[in-house]
Amino acid sequence: MKFKVVIADDEPYILEGLKKRVDWSQLGYQIIATASNGPECLEMINMHHPDLIITDIRMPGFTGLELIKNIQGLDEKAEVIIISGYSEFDYAKKALEMGVQSYLLKPISEDELKKSLKILHKILFKKKAQIKEQQLKETARLLEFLKCENISKIEISKILKKTGLKKSTNQFISLVSPHSNIKIESSLSVQKFAFNYELNLFIVEGQNINQNKITKVINNSGNLQKTGISTVAESVYDLGIIIDEAISSYYMTIFTNQITFCFFKTDPEFYITLINKTEIFSLENIKSCNRKFFAALKSYLENPALSPKLFLAFYNKSTINLNDIIISQGLKINLLPQFSSISQIAQTFKSFDSIIRRIQSVTEELSTVDNEEQNSSDPELIIHRTLRFINSKFTSDLSLSNIAEAVQTEPKYLSSIFIKHTGSTILEYIRFKRIEHAKFLLRNSELNMNEIADSCGYADYYYFAKVFKKETGITATQFKNK
């Protein structure tokens, strides 16, 4: 962390000397502005909000003491180093009484300057940490409150007051980024909140807001950094939703490492195409399916209009499928982790390449499983073949006879050994797989109930609803709204 410094002195050679006297960057500082008089220094402070101000005790316009009073009146949190001559010691004493941490006598020695800067760096770091901690607590309380359902008008007015937002009827868009500030056009306003120690959360409000307009604003700000951008909320009641969207979108930019901006987008039709029509892994098709999976995923990640929820579902579906193979084979391979948010994926894998490496290592291990077992009459190997076949085809129209044909055995014999080895019938196992898949889609997709039923192998929605309630004890709608 580099702290921002403004230096003020009416003697140019002292200004230049201070700039060159020490390695500011190495000491954890960055000189962002200099001034030659009191009013100019105050202007630089208002503009840049420095962490440290180094000022001469006597300057044109107003003195260093008057500058300190002005700074305190502005509620600036900056520390101050006063520069003075021997004849000005009484002024320096007053400055120390006003809370100034350090003063330096002219001529300024390199050792004394370094010593003061090191001491102040510790003070500033501690102060920043305390401020950030308080900001994080306030943001956490706000986010928790925004997740509540049925927020009353009185509570909404409290939100507006706490956040500095203006109108509950405005449009809102949320951003998450390392940017410390964003410049916006005069028709919009923005509020900043500390999201964590590295990121800030911005809520922009106004009328006629859209994602492209926000992108132009950030582009014009310079110093581009990765930014997650939510959809547009039409009222303050949806703040909780768009904040979650911006968080997820930001982690997509980190994870892909290919894009600067990620726009939150949900596209149910694309979901059906990409997720439900993606070929399911099985031991027999593991290599070809592996290639298709990564080709589809890579193509998807190159699109800046990403749906984090869609990517999460895509990842989880594929890894659940691979884990099923590992479990059914009884293999000693570490299971692939499942996640409930994009931030968890990004923090675990760090990049798309690391996901590729992890899944490829699993598929390579699985592809080495001895293919000779395909023709074996050993009951356990028949059960393994049966489970693999069902796991890859459970959304299709399955029956005991076509499963038996696929695993090369008699239906009656298959039924008998399946119950003996698994404790359930084949139809019960198929039903279990379908309902688990339905739960997954209810949690992670935007599909309607008819589409979910069809995606799970049930052509009749009403029959699907009946089976779901019987297996889970609640309706599919209740499960989705949990």
Protein backbone atom coordinates (compact mmCIF):
# COMPACT_ATOMS: atom_id res chain seq x y z
CA MET A 1 0.00 0.00 0.00
CA LYS A 2 1.44 3.39 -1.04
CA PHE A 3 0.26 6.46 0.84
CA LYS A 4 -0.42 9.67 -1.09
CA VAL A 5 1.71 12.74 -0.27
CA VAL A 6 1.27 16.46 -0.94
CA ILE A 7 4.31 18.72 -0.32
CA ALA A 8 4.01 22.49 0.14
CA ASP A 9 6.87 25.00 0.33
CA ASP A 10 7.34 28.43 -1.23
CA GLU A 11 11.03 27.74 -1.97
CA PRO A 12 11.38 25.71 -5.21
CA TYR A 13 14.79 24.27 -4.31
CA ILE A 14 13.34 22.82 -1.06
CA LEU A 15 10.42 21.27 -2.97
CA GLU A 16 12.79 19.67 -5.47
CA GLY A 17 15.16 18.61 -2.70
CA LEU A 18 12.39 16.85 -0.78
CA LYS A 19 11.23 15.03 -3.92
CA LYS A 20 14.74 13.70 -4.56
CA ARG A 21 16.01 13.29 -1.00
CA VAL A 22 14.61 9.78 -0.44
CA ASP A 23 13.16 6.89 -2.43
CA TRP A 24 9.50 7.61 -1.70
CA SER A 25 8.19 4.48 -3.40
CA GLN A 26 10.49 2.20 -1.42
CA LEU A 27 9.29 3.81 1.81
CA GLY A 28 5.65 3.22 0.81
CA TYR A 29 4.68 6.69 -0.44
CA GLN A 30 3.73 8.41 -3.68
CA ILE A 31 4.04 12.18 -4.20
CA ILE A 32 0.84 13.16 -5.99
CA ALA A 33 1.10 16.97 -5.90
CA THR A 34 3.22 19.93 -4.79
CA ALA A 35 2.24 23.50 -3.93
CA SER A 36 4.07 26.80 -3.42
CA ASN A 37 1.56 28.56 -1.14
CA GLY A 38 -1.20 27.84 1.38
CA PRO A 39 -4.29 28.25 -0.86
CA GLU A 40 -2.74 26.12 -3.61
CA CYS A 41 -1.90 23.42 -1.09
CA LEU A 42 -5.47 23.42 0.21
CA GLU A 43 -6.73 23.06 -3.36
CA MET A 44 -4.44 20.04 -3.91
CA ILE A 45 -5.73 18.51 -0.64
CA ASN A 46 -9.33 18.95 -1.73
CA MET A 47 -8.56 17.43 -5.10
CA HIS A 48 -6.38 14.45 -4.10
CA HIS A 49 -7.26 13.69 -0.44
CA PRO A 50 -3.68 12.78 0.54
CA ASP A 51 -2.66 10.62 3.48
CA LEU A 52 0.32 12.79 4.36
CA ILE A 53 0.94 16.54 4.00
CA ILE A 54 4.43 18.00 4.35
CA THR A 55 4.25 21.77 4.70
CA ASP A 56 6.47 24.70 5.57
CA ILE A 57 5.41 26.51 8.75
CA ARG A 58 5.49 29.86 6.88
CA MET A 59 4.05 30.27 3.39
CA PRO A 60 2.36 32.96 1.27
CA GLY A 61 -1.44 33.03 1.46
CA PHE A 62 -1.65 31.57 4.93
CA THR A 63 0.73 29.85 7.32
CA GLY A 64 1.21 26.17 7.96
CA LEU A 65 -0.77 26.54 11.21
CA GLU A 66 -3.70 28.07 9.32
CA LEU A 67 -3.42 25.26 6.78
CA ILE A 68 -3.70 22.69 9.59
CA LYS A 69 -6.85 24.42 10.90
CA ASN A 70 -8.33 24.34 7.39
CA ILE A 71 -7.51 20.64 7.02
CA GLN A 72 -9.16 19.82 10.35
CA GLY A 73 -12.23 21.76 9.27
CA LEU A 74 -12.45 19.66 6.10
CA ASP A 75 -12.50 16.44 8.16
CA GLU A 76 -9.43 15.23 6.28
CA LYS A 77 -7.70 12.22 7.87
CA ALA A 78 -4.21 13.18 6.68
CA GLU A 79 -1.15 13.26 8.91
CA VAL A 80 1.07 16.36 8.78
CA ILE A 81 4.82 16.95 8.91
CA ILE A 82 5.80 20.55 9.58
CA ILE A 83 9.03 22.00 8.16
CA SER A 84 10.48 24.86 10.21
CA GLY A 85 13.63 26.86 10.92
CA TYR A 86 15.22 27.25 14.37
CA SER A 87 13.67 30.72 14.75
CA GLU A 88 10.20 29.27 14.17
CA PHE A 89 10.29 26.70 17.00
CA ASP A 90 7.36 28.35 18.85
CA TYR A 91 5.21 27.83 15.71
CA ALA A 92 6.30 24.22 15.51
CA LYS A 93 5.38 23.72 19.17
CA LYS A 94 1.86 25.02 18.48
CA ALA A 95 1.61 22.69 15.50
CA LEU A 96 2.49 19.70 17.71
CA GLU A 97 -0.22 20.79 20.16
CA MET A 98 -2.69 20.76 17.24
CA GLY A 99 -1.97 17.07 16.60
CA VAL A 100 0.88 17.26 14.09
CA GLN A 101 2.89 14.04 14.40
CA SER A 102 6.32 15.34 13.36
CA TYR A 103 8.34 18.40 12.50
CA LEU A 104 11.62 18.70 10.61
CA LEU A 105 14.20 21.43 11.03
CA LYS A 106 15.86 23.06 8.04
CA PRO A 107 18.15 22.02 6.52
CA ILE A 108 16.36 18.68 6.30
CA SER A 109 18.62 15.64 6.66
CA GLU A 110 17.91 12.42 4.76
CA ASP A 111 18.05 10.32 7.96
CA GLU A 112 15.57 12.50 9.84
CA LEU A 113 13.17 12.54 6.88
CA LYS A 114 13.37 8.74 6.54
CA LYS A 115 12.87 8.26 10.27
CA SER A 116 9.74 10.45 10.30
CA LEU A 117 8.33 8.77 7.19
CA LYS A 118 8.83 5.27 8.64
CA ILE A 119 7.11 6.21 11.91
CA LEU A 120 4.21 7.83 10.04
CA HIS A 121 3.87 4.85 7.71
CA LYS A 122 3.06 2.64 10.71
CA ILE A 123 0.58 5.20 12.03
CA LEU A 124 -1.09 5.60 8.63
CA PHE A 125 -1.25 1.83 8.07
CA LYS A 126 -2.93 1.28 11.43
CA LYS A 127 -5.33 4.17 10.84
CA LYS A 128 -6.25 2.91 7.35
CA ALA A 129 -6.84 -0.60 8.73
CA GLN A 130 -9.17 0.74 11.43
CA ILE A 131 -11.11 2.86 8.94
CA LYS A 132 -11.35 -0.02 6.49
CA GLU A 133 -12.51 -2.39 9.24
CA GLN A 134 -15.29 0.02 10.20
CA GLN A 135 -16.28 0.50 6.56
CA LEU A 136 -16.39 -3.27 6.02
CA LYS A 137 -18.64 -3.73 9.04
CA GLU A 138 -20.99 -1.04 7.76
CA THR A 139 -21.07 -2.59 4.26
CA ALA A 140 -21.69 -6.06 5.72
CA ARG A 141 -24.63 -4.72 7.76
CA LEU A 142 -26.02 -2.97 4.69
CA LEU A 143 -25.74 -6.08 2.50
CA GLU A 144 -27.37 -8.24 5.16
CA PHE A 145 -30.23 -5.75 5.44
CA LEU A 146 -30.70 -5.57 1.67
CA LYS A 147 -31.15 -9.36 1.51
CA CYS A 148 -34.26 -9.14 3.69
CA GLU A 149 -37.57 -9.71 1.97
CA ASN A 150 -40.56 -7.32 2.15
CA ILE A 151 -38.56 -4.22 3.09
CA SER A 152 -40.94 -1.48 4.25
CA LYS A 153 -40.99 2.11 2.99
CA ILE A 154 -39.67 3.30 6.36
CA GLU A 155 -36.74 0.89 6.08
CA ILE A 156 -36.10 2.02 2.50
CA SER A 157 -35.84 5.63 3.70
CA LYS A 158 -33.26 4.43 6.25
CA ILE A 159 -31.29 2.76 3.43
CA LEU A 160 -31.31 5.98 1.40
CA LYS A 161 -30.12 7.95 4.41
CA LYS A 162 -27.38 5.45 5.31
CA THR A 163 -26.08 5.04 1.77
CA GLY A 164 -26.41 8.62 0.58
CA LEU A 165 -28.64 7.46 -2.29
CA LYS A 166 -31.23 9.99 -3.36
CA LYS A 167 -34.47 8.55 -4.75
CA SER A 168 -36.04 5.14 -4.31
CA THR A 169 -37.60 5.58 -7.79
CA ASN A 170 -34.28 6.10 -9.57
CA GLN A 171 -32.54 3.43 -11.62
CA PHE A 172 -29.49 1.82 -10.04
CA ILE A 173 -26.49 -0.12 -11.28
CA SER A 174 -23.77 -1.67 -9.14
CA LEU A 175 -20.03 -2.07 -9.79
CA VAL A 176 -17.29 -3.95 -7.93
CA SER A 177 -13.71 -2.94 -8.72
CA PRO A 178 -10.29 -2.10 -7.24
CA HIS A 179 -10.87 1.47 -8.53
CA SER A 180 -10.69 3.92 -5.64
CA ASN A 181 -13.02 6.34 -7.45
CA ILE A 182 -14.97 6.54 -10.69
CA LYS A 183 -15.82 9.73 -12.54
CA ILE A 184 -19.40 9.93 -13.77
CA GLU A 185 -21.45 12.37 -15.81
CA SER A 186 -23.32 15.10 -13.98
CA SER A 187 -26.75 13.51 -14.53
CA LEU A 188 -25.73 10.50 -12.40
CA SER A 189 -24.51 10.17 -8.83
CA VAL A 190 -22.37 7.48 -7.22
CA GLN A 191 -21.82 6.18 -3.71
CA LYS A 192 -18.75 4.15 -2.72
CA PHE A 193 -18.53 1.40 -0.09
CA ALA A 194 -15.60 -0.74 1.04
CA PHE A 195 -16.37 -4.30 -0.07
CA ASN A 196 -13.16 -5.90 1.22
CA TYR A 197 -9.54 -4.84 1.72
CA GLU A 198 -8.84 -4.73 -2.04
CA LEU A 199 -12.23 -3.93 -3.61
CA ASN A 200 -14.78 -1.17 -3.57
CA LEU A 201 -18.49 -1.39 -4.25
CA PHE A 202 -20.07 1.46 -6.21
CA ILE A 203 -23.79 2.14 -6.58
CA VAL A 204 -24.64 4.52 -9.40
CA GLU A 205 -28.09 6.08 -9.57
CA GLY A 206 -30.01 8.25 -11.98
CA GLN A 207 -32.19 7.87 -15.06
CA ASN A 208 -31.54 6.16 -18.42
CA ILE A 209 -28.66 4.13 -16.98
CA ASN A 210 -27.28 1.22 -18.99
CA GLN A 211 -24.20 -0.99 -18.90
CA ASN A 212 -22.61 0.59 -22.00
CA LYS A 213 -22.89 4.07 -20.52
CA ILE A 214 -21.14 2.92 -17.36
CA THR A 215 -18.37 1.26 -19.41
CA LYS A 216 -17.70 4.54 -21.24
CA VAL A 217 -17.54 6.34 -17.90
CA ILE A 218 -14.88 3.95 -16.59
CA ASN A 219 -12.95 4.02 -19.87
CA ASN A 220 -12.80 7.80 -19.62
CA SER A 221 -11.49 7.57 -16.05
CA GLY A 222 -8.19 6.04 -17.24
CA ASN A 223 -6.13 3.48 -15.30
CA LEU A 224 -8.47 0.65 -16.31
CA GLN A 225 -8.93 -2.11 -13.76
CA LYS A 226 -11.10 -5.19 -13.79
CA THR A 227 -14.71 -4.34 -13.04
CA GLY A 228 -17.89 -6.34 -12.50
CA ILE A 229 -21.05 -4.59 -13.66
CA SER A 230 -24.59 -5.57 -12.67
CA THR A 231 -27.81 -5.30 -14.62
CA VAL A 232 -29.94 -2.17 -14.11
CA ALA A 233 -32.35 -2.14 -11.15
CA GLU A 234 -35.52 -0.15 -11.59
CA SER A 235 -35.92 0.62 -7.88
CA VAL A 236 -34.04 0.64 -4.59
CA TYR A 237 -35.82 -2.58 -3.61
CA ASP A 238 -33.51 -4.52 -5.97
CA LEU A 239 -30.22 -3.19 -4.58
CA GLY A 240 -29.41 -6.53 -2.91
CA ILE A 241 -29.80 -8.36 -6.22
CA ILE A 242 -27.60 -6.04 -8.30
CA ILE A 243 -24.88 -5.97 -5.64
CA ASP A 244 -24.69 -9.79 -5.80
CA GLU A 245 -24.58 -9.55 -9.60
CA ALA A 246 -21.67 -7.10 -9.55
CA ILE A 247 -19.74 -9.27 -7.09
CA SER A 248 -20.19 -12.37 -9.25
CA SER A 249 -19.29 -10.44 -12.41
CA TYR A 250 -16.11 -9.07 -10.87
CA TYR A 251 -14.90 -12.56 -9.97
CA MET A 252 -15.58 -13.65 -13.54
CA THR A 253 -13.08 -11.03 -14.77
CA ILE A 254 -10.48 -12.34 -12.32
CA PHE A 255 -11.17 -15.93 -13.19
CA THR A 256 -11.06 -15.59 -16.97
CA ASN A 257 -8.12 -13.14 -16.97
CA GLN A 258 -9.12 -12.17 -20.53
CA ILE A 259 -11.56 -9.32 -20.03
CA THR A 260 -11.58 -6.01 -18.21
CA PHE A 261 -15.35 -5.69 -17.84
CA CYS A 262 -17.89 -8.37 -17.08
CA PHE A 263 -21.55 -7.50 -17.60
CA PHE A 264 -23.96 -9.62 -15.60
CA LYS A 265 -26.31 -11.39 -17.97
CA THR A 266 -28.87 -14.16 -17.60
CA ASP A 267 -30.01 -15.91 -20.74
CA PRO A 268 -32.29 -18.93 -20.16
CA GLU A 269 -32.26 -19.92 -23.84
CA PHE A 270 -28.48 -19.95 -23.91
CA TYR A 271 -28.58 -21.93 -20.67
CA ILE A 272 -30.64 -24.68 -22.31
CA THR A 273 -28.26 -24.80 -25.28
CA LEU A 274 -25.04 -24.84 -23.29
CA ILE A 275 -25.93 -26.74 -20.14
CA ASN A 276 -28.68 -29.20 -20.94
CA LYS A 277 -27.44 -30.10 -24.41
CA THR A 278 -23.85 -30.52 -23.27
CA GLU A 279 -22.97 -34.18 -23.62
CA ILE A 280 -22.66 -35.91 -20.26
CA PHE A 281 -19.34 -37.51 -19.39
CA SER A 282 -19.21 -41.28 -19.20
CA LEU A 283 -16.24 -43.59 -18.96
CA GLU A 284 -16.73 -44.61 -22.59
CA ASN A 285 -16.80 -41.07 -24.02
CA ILE A 286 -14.49 -39.34 -21.54
CA LYS A 287 -11.84 -38.21 -24.05
CA SER A 288 -14.14 -36.83 -26.74
CA CYS A 289 -16.43 -35.26 -24.14
CA ASN A 290 -13.44 -33.67 -22.44
CA ARG A 291 -12.45 -31.89 -25.68
CA LYS A 292 -16.02 -30.67 -26.29
CA PHE A 293 -16.35 -29.44 -22.72
CA PHE A 294 -13.26 -27.24 -22.83
CA ALA A 295 -13.99 -25.97 -26.34
CA ALA A 296 -17.48 -24.88 -25.25
CA LEU A 297 -16.21 -23.36 -22.01
CA LYS A 298 -13.39 -21.45 -23.70
CA SER A 299 -15.77 -20.05 -26.32
CA TYR A 300 -18.17 -18.99 -23.59
CA LEU A 301 -15.52 -17.24 -21.49
CA GLU A 302 -14.43 -15.08 -24.43
CA ASN A 303 -17.81 -13.34 -24.34
CA PRO A 304 -17.81 -10.24 -22.06
CA ALA A 305 -21.60 -10.50 -21.57
CA LEU A 306 -21.26 -13.41 -19.18
CA SER A 307 -23.78 -14.97 -16.85
CA PRO A 308 -21.84 -15.95 -13.71
CA LYS A 309 -24.78 -18.07 -12.59
CA LEU A 310 -24.70 -19.88 -15.92
CA PHE A 311 -20.98 -20.55 -15.69
CA LEU A 312 -21.39 -21.83 -12.13
CA ALA A 313 -24.10 -24.25 -13.27
CA PHE A 314 -21.98 -25.36 -16.24
CA TYR A 315 -19.01 -26.12 -14.00
CA ASN A 316 -21.04 -27.86 -11.29
CA LYS A 317 -22.98 -30.05 -13.71
CA SER A 318 -19.84 -31.31 -15.38
CA THR A 319 -17.92 -31.95 -12.17
CA ILE A 320 -20.87 -33.66 -10.46
CA ASN A 321 -20.98 -35.96 -13.47
CA LEU A 322 -17.25 -36.74 -13.20
CA ASN A 323 -17.54 -37.29 -9.45
CA ASP A 324 -20.37 -39.77 -10.06
CA ILE A 325 -18.03 -41.81 -12.27
CA ILE A 326 -15.27 -41.73 -9.64
CA ILE A 327 -17.68 -42.86 -6.90
CA SER A 328 -19.37 -45.55 -8.99
CA GLN A 329 -15.97 -46.95 -9.98
CA GLY A 330 -14.71 -46.90 -6.41
CA LEU A 331 -11.58 -45.12 -7.63
CA LYS A 332 -9.06 -43.45 -5.33
CA ILE A 333 -9.21 -40.09 -7.10
CA ASN A 334 -9.88 -36.83 -5.24
CA LEU A 335 -13.38 -35.58 -6.05
CA LEU A 336 -13.72 -32.26 -7.87
CA PRO A 337 -15.02 -29.52 -5.54
CA GLN A 338 -18.53 -28.09 -5.89
CA PHE A 339 -19.22 -24.39 -5.39
CA SER A 340 -22.13 -22.14 -4.50
CA SER A 341 -20.64 -18.92 -5.92
CA ILE A 342 -18.24 -17.66 -8.59
CA SER A 343 -16.08 -16.03 -5.91
CA GLN A 344 -15.45 -19.49 -4.39
CA ILE A 345 -14.33 -20.84 -7.78
CA ALA A 346 -12.04 -17.85 -8.40
CA GLN A 347 -10.48 -18.08 -4.95
CA THR A 348 -9.92 -21.85 -5.28
CA PHE A 349 -8.67 -22.09 -8.86
CA LYS A 350 -7.42 -18.53 -9.45
CA SER A 351 -7.70 -18.93 -13.24
CA PHE A 352 -9.47 -20.77 -16.04
CA ASP A 353 -6.22 -22.59 -16.89
CA SER A 354 -6.02 -24.11 -13.43
CA ILE A 355 -9.56 -25.50 -13.82
CA ILE A 356 -8.55 -27.03 -17.15
CA ARG A 357 -5.51 -28.66 -15.57
CA ARG A 358 -7.53 -30.05 -12.65
CA ILE A 359 -10.34 -31.52 -14.75
CA GLN A 360 -7.93 -32.82 -17.38
CA SER A 361 -5.93 -34.66 -14.72
CA VAL A 362 -9.15 -36.34 -13.50
CA THR A 363 -10.33 -37.28 -17.00
CA GLU A 364 -6.90 -38.68 -17.86
CA GLU A 365 -6.98 -40.88 -14.76
CA LEU A 366 -10.50 -42.03 -15.60
CA SER A 367 -9.59 -42.78 -19.22
CA THR A 368 -6.98 -45.29 -18.05
CA VAL A 369 -9.63 -47.51 -16.45
CA ASP A 370 -9.27 -50.94 -18.05
CA ASN A 371 -11.73 -51.21 -20.97
CA GLU A 372 -11.63 -55.00 -20.74
CA GLU A 373 -14.24 -54.85 -18.02
CA GLN A 374 -16.81 -53.98 -20.68
CA ASN A 375 -17.15 -57.65 -21.60
CA SER A 376 -16.71 -59.08 -18.10
CA SER A 377 -19.48 -61.17 -16.51
CA ASP A 378 -18.33 -60.32 -12.98
CA PRO A 379 -21.47 -59.02 -11.14
CA GLU A 380 -19.60 -56.05 -9.63
CA LEU A 381 -18.29 -54.97 -13.03
CA ILE A 382 -21.77 -55.34 -14.52
CA ILE A 383 -23.07 -53.02 -11.77
CA HIS A 384 -20.28 -50.52 -12.55
CA ARG A 385 -21.26 -50.57 -16.24
CA THR A 386 -24.92 -50.17 -15.32
CA LEU A 387 -24.29 -47.19 -13.03
CA ARG A 388 -22.14 -45.52 -15.67
CA PHE A 389 -24.78 -46.02 -18.31
CA ILE A 390 -27.60 -44.68 -16.11
CA ASN A 391 -25.48 -41.73 -14.92
CA SER A 392 -24.89 -40.66 -18.51
CA LYS A 393 -28.42 -41.38 -19.82
CA PHE A 394 -30.83 -40.82 -16.91
CA THR A 395 -32.55 -37.92 -18.70
CA SER A 396 -33.40 -40.27 -21.60
CA ASP A 397 -36.23 -42.79 -21.85
CA LEU A 398 -34.72 -45.68 -19.90
CA SER A 399 -36.15 -49.11 -19.17
CA LEU A 400 -34.79 -52.28 -17.60
CA SER A 401 -34.60 -53.98 -20.99
CA ASN A 402 -32.64 -51.26 -22.83
CA ILE A 403 -30.26 -50.86 -19.88
CA ALA A 404 -29.65 -54.64 -19.79
CA GLU A 405 -28.98 -54.64 -23.52
CA ALA A 406 -26.46 -51.79 -23.14
CA VAL A 407 -24.49 -53.61 -20.42
CA GLN A 408 -24.76 -56.96 -22.21
CA THR A 409 -26.72 -59.04 -19.70
CA GLU A 410 -30.24 -60.38 -19.10
CA PRO A 411 -32.88 -58.01 -17.63
CA LYS A 412 -33.96 -60.41 -14.87
CA TYR A 413 -30.38 -61.13 -13.79
CA LEU A 414 -29.50 -57.40 -13.89
CA SER A 415 -32.49 -56.50 -11.73
CA SER A 416 -31.52 -59.14 -9.18
CA ILE A 417 -27.84 -58.20 -8.82
CA PHE A 418 -28.57 -54.46 -8.88
CA ILE A 419 -30.85 -54.70 -5.81
CA LYS A 420 -28.32 -56.96 -4.08
CA HIS A 421 -25.39 -54.59 -4.64
CA THR A 422 -27.07 -51.17 -4.27
CA GLY A 423 -30.08 -51.78 -2.04
CA SER A 424 -32.46 -50.17 -4.54
CA THR A 425 -34.13 -51.07 -7.80
CA ILE A 426 -32.93 -49.70 -11.12
CA LEU A 427 -36.04 -47.54 -11.48
CA GLU A 428 -35.54 -46.13 -7.96
CA TYR A 429 -31.96 -45.22 -8.85
CA ILE A 430 -33.07 -43.52 -12.09
CA ARG A 431 -35.69 -41.56 -10.15
CA PHE A 432 -33.06 -40.53 -7.58
CA LYS A 433 -30.71 -39.25 -10.31
CA ARG A 434 -33.49 -37.31 -12.02
CA ILE A 435 -34.67 -35.63 -8.82
CA GLU A 436 -31.10 -34.68 -7.85
CA HIS A 437 -30.65 -33.14 -11.30
CA ALA A 438 -33.96 -31.29 -10.87
CA LYS A 439 -32.73 -29.87 -7.55
CA PHE A 440 -29.57 -28.68 -9.27
CA LEU A 441 -31.53 -26.92 -12.02
CA LEU A 442 -33.95 -25.36 -9.54
CA ARG A 443 -31.04 -23.87 -7.61
CA ASN A 444 -28.86 -22.78 -10.51
CA SER A 445 -30.97 -22.08 -13.60
CA GLU A 446 -33.64 -19.71 -14.85
CA LEU A 447 -35.62 -22.53 -16.52
CA ASN A 448 -39.34 -22.73 -15.91
CA MET A 449 -40.91 -25.83 -14.35
CA ASN A 450 -41.92 -27.42 -17.68
CA GLU A 451 -38.36 -27.00 -19.02
CA ILE A 452 -36.87 -28.48 -15.86
CA ALA A 453 -39.22 -31.47 -16.00
CA ASP A 454 -38.29 -32.08 -19.64
CA SER A 455 -34.57 -31.68 -18.90
CA CYS A 456 -34.84 -34.38 -16.22
CA GLY A 457 -36.53 -36.93 -18.47
CA TYR A 458 -40.18 -36.22 -17.58
CA ALA A 459 -42.34 -35.32 -20.59
CA ASP A 460 -45.34 -34.78 -18.29
CA TYR A 461 -44.84 -31.86 -15.87
CA TYR A 462 -47.65 -32.98 -13.55
CA TYR A 463 -46.11 -36.41 -13.16
CA PHE A 464 -42.72 -34.78 -12.47
CA ALA A 465 -44.33 -32.55 -9.79
CA LYS A 466 -45.93 -35.58 -8.15
CA VAL A 467 -42.65 -37.55 -8.12
CA PHE A 468 -40.64 -34.56 -6.84
CA LYS A 469 -42.96 -34.01 -3.88
CA LYS A 470 -43.04 -37.71 -3.05
CA GLU A 471 -39.21 -37.91 -3.05
CA THR A 472 -38.45 -34.64 -1.23
CA GLY A 473 -41.53 -33.94 0.87
CA ILE A 474 -42.00 -30.47 -0.66
CA THR A 475 -43.07 -29.12 -4.05
CA ALA A 476 -40.56 -28.06 -6.69
CA THR A 477 -41.68 -24.44 -6.27
CA GLN A 478 -41.11 -24.57 -2.51
CA PHE A 479 -37.65 -26.06 -3.08
CA LYS A 480 -36.73 -23.26 -5.56
CA ASN A 481 -37.85 -20.58 -3.12
CA LYS A 482 -35.98 -22.00 -0.11
